Every structure is written in structure tokens, then in C-alpha cells.
Amino acid sequence: MKELVEVIAKALVDNPDEVTVEEKVEGKNVKLELHVAPSDMGKVIGKQGRIAKAIRCVVKAASTKDDLRVDVDII
């Protein structure tokens, strides 16, 4: 899941070198923290949070295959 979020975020931003994803696993719960440059924050969130919702939706669909619950936080 970490790689999936990283690939999606790097495709959206102007500074792909500053994209990092931290993964915290607690049983079947996985928390992913996406860090981007402050200037790229709007590109990752999108208007009314549409891009952020789309990223979360794709990750949720991929995580059901592995029977995991994945939360994506954009920091």
C-alpha cells in the first residue's frame, strides 16, 4: 500500500523528491502518512478534497484484497 500511495502522489506533485510515506501497522489496521512539500499540498488534496478522496478510495479498494483497513493521512 505504501508504494501505491507514493506512486500516485509523485505523479501529482511538482517536487516528487519531497514525497515520503510513513507506514504504521497495528494488526489489520495500517496508517499511511503522506508528506509532501507545502507548495504541493493543494495538488494532493484537490478542490473540495476530491483528489484526496480518490487516493483513499483506490487504496481502500486495493486493501480489501489483503483484508486490511488502511487510513491515508496527508500531512
C-alpha atoms as a PDB file:
ATOM      1  CA  MET A   1       0.000   0.000   0.000  1.00  0.00           C
ATOM      2  CA  LYS A   2       2.852   2.358   0.814  1.00  0.00           C
ATOM      3  CA  GLU A   3       4.261   2.080  -2.697  1.00  0.00           C
ATOM      4  CA  LEU A   4       0.848   2.671  -4.268  1.00  0.00           C
ATOM      5  CA  VAL A   5       0.318   5.938  -2.379  1.00  0.00           C
ATOM      6  CA  GLU A   6       3.870   7.034  -3.151  1.00  0.00           C
ATOM      7  CA  VAL A   7       3.499   6.434  -6.908  1.00  0.00           C
ATOM      8  CA  ILE A   8       0.173   8.269  -7.055  1.00  0.00           C
ATOM      9  CA  ALA A   9       1.472  11.252  -5.070  1.00  0.00           C
ATOM     10  CA  LYS A  10       4.681  11.553  -7.080  1.00  0.00           C
ATOM     11  CA  ALA A  11       2.647  11.697 -10.283  1.00  0.00           C
ATOM     12  CA  LEU A  12       0.609  14.635  -8.948  1.00  0.00           C
ATOM     13  CA  VAL A  13       3.229  16.954  -7.453  1.00  0.00           C
ATOM     14  CA  ASP A  14       5.896  19.294  -8.836  1.00  0.00           C
ATOM     15  CA  ASN A  15       8.537  18.142  -6.323  1.00  0.00           C
ATOM     16  CA  PRO A  16       8.440  14.315  -6.365  1.00  0.00           C
ATOM     17  CA  ASP A  17      11.708  14.116  -4.401  1.00  0.00           C
ATOM     18  CA  GLU A  18       9.958  15.558  -1.331  1.00  0.00           C
ATOM     19  CA  VAL A  19       7.210  12.912  -1.254  1.00  0.00           C
ATOM     20  CA  THR A  20       7.538  10.456   1.622  1.00  0.00           C
ATOM     21  CA  VAL A  21       5.125   7.896   3.025  1.00  0.00           C
ATOM     22  CA  GLU A  22       5.356   6.515   6.550  1.00  0.00           C
ATOM     23  CA  GLU A  23       3.593   3.252   7.332  1.00  0.00           C
ATOM     24  CA  LYS A  24       2.398   2.248  10.811  1.00  0.00           C
ATOM     25  CA  VAL A  25       0.940  -1.248  11.168  1.00  0.00           C
ATOM     26  CA  GLU A  26      -1.253  -2.219  14.118  1.00  0.00           C
ATOM     27  CA  GLY A  27      -2.727  -5.659  13.466  1.00  0.00           C
ATOM     28  CA  LYS A  28      -5.082  -5.376  10.496  1.00  0.00           C
ATOM     29  CA  ASN A  29      -5.062  -1.579  10.680  1.00  0.00           C
ATOM     30  CA  VAL A  30      -2.496   0.271   8.609  1.00  0.00           C
ATOM     31  CA  LYS A  31      -1.966   4.024   8.862  1.00  0.00           C
ATOM     32  CA  LEU A  32      -0.177   5.744   5.988  1.00  0.00           C
ATOM     33  CA  GLU A  33       1.099   9.294   6.475  1.00  0.00           C
ATOM     34  CA  LEU A  34       1.787  11.110   3.222  1.00  0.00           C
ATOM     35  CA  HIS A  35       4.236  14.015   3.472  1.00  0.00           C
ATOM     36  CA  VAL A  36       4.581  16.453   0.559  1.00  0.00           C
ATOM     37  CA  ALA A  37       6.137  19.881   0.064  1.00  0.00           C
ATOM     38  CA  PRO A  38       3.926  22.748   1.327  1.00  0.00           C
ATOM     39  CA  SER A  39       3.646  24.120  -2.217  1.00  0.00           C
ATOM     40  CA  ASP A  40       2.265  20.763  -3.447  1.00  0.00           C
ATOM     41  CA  MET A  41      -0.328  20.327  -0.704  1.00  0.00           C
ATOM     42  CA  GLY A  42      -3.141  21.766  -2.827  1.00  0.00           C
ATOM     43  CA  LYS A  43      -2.360  19.428  -5.716  1.00  0.00           C
ATOM     44  CA  VAL A  44      -2.614  16.359  -3.498  1.00  0.00           C
ATOM     45  CA  ILE A  45      -5.797  17.494  -1.751  1.00  0.00           C
ATOM     46  CA  GLY A  46      -7.574  18.963  -4.782  1.00  0.00           C
ATOM     47  CA  LYS A  47     -10.686  21.107  -4.930  1.00  0.00           C
ATOM     48  CA  GLN A  48     -13.014  20.204  -2.062  1.00  0.00           C
ATOM     49  CA  GLY A  49     -10.737  17.262  -1.267  1.00  0.00           C
ATOM     50  CA  ARG A  50     -11.641  15.307  -4.392  1.00  0.00           C
ATOM     51  CA  ILE A  51      -8.136  14.058  -5.168  1.00  0.00           C
ATOM     52  CA  ALA A  52      -7.551  13.070  -1.534  1.00  0.00           C
ATOM     53  CA  LYS A  53     -10.843  11.142  -1.564  1.00  0.00           C
ATOM     54  CA  ALA A  54      -9.857   9.437  -4.816  1.00  0.00           C
ATOM     55  CA  ILE A  55      -6.480   8.383  -3.382  1.00  0.00           C
ATOM     56  CA  ARG A  56      -8.219   6.969  -0.292  1.00  0.00           C
ATOM     57  CA  CYS A  57     -10.759   5.157  -2.481  1.00  0.00           C
ATOM     58  CA  VAL A  58      -8.072   3.483  -4.611  1.00  0.00           C
ATOM     59  CA  VAL A  59      -6.105   2.437  -1.525  1.00  0.00           C
ATOM     60  CA  LYS A  60      -9.258   1.085   0.139  1.00  0.00           C
ATOM     61  CA  ALA A  61     -10.077  -0.978  -2.939  1.00  0.00           C
ATOM     62  CA  ALA A  62      -6.545  -2.389  -3.054  1.00  0.00           C
ATOM     63  CA  SER A  63      -6.511  -3.123   0.679  1.00  0.00           C
ATOM     64  CA  THR A  64      -9.703  -5.200   0.673  1.00  0.00           C
ATOM     65  CA  LYS A  65      -7.824  -7.827  -1.306  1.00  0.00           C
ATOM     66  CA  ASP A  66      -5.405  -8.233   1.621  1.00  0.00           C
ATOM     67  CA  ASP A  67      -8.191  -7.939   4.255  1.00  0.00           C
ATOM     68  CA  LEU A  68      -6.677  -4.773   5.751  1.00  0.00           C
ATOM     69  CA  ARG A  69      -8.084  -1.454   6.887  1.00  0.00           C
ATOM     70  CA  VAL A  70      -5.910   1.362   5.555  1.00  0.00           C
ATOM     71  CA  ASP A  71      -6.153   5.038   6.574  1.00  0.00           C
ATOM     72  CA  VAL A  72      -4.336   7.655   4.498  1.00  0.00           C
ATOM     73  CA  ASP A  73      -3.445  10.942   6.215  1.00  0.00           C
ATOM     74  CA  ILE A  74      -1.985  13.825   4.249  1.00  0.00           C
ATOM     75  CA  ILE A  75       0.430  15.829   6.386  1.00  0.00           C
END
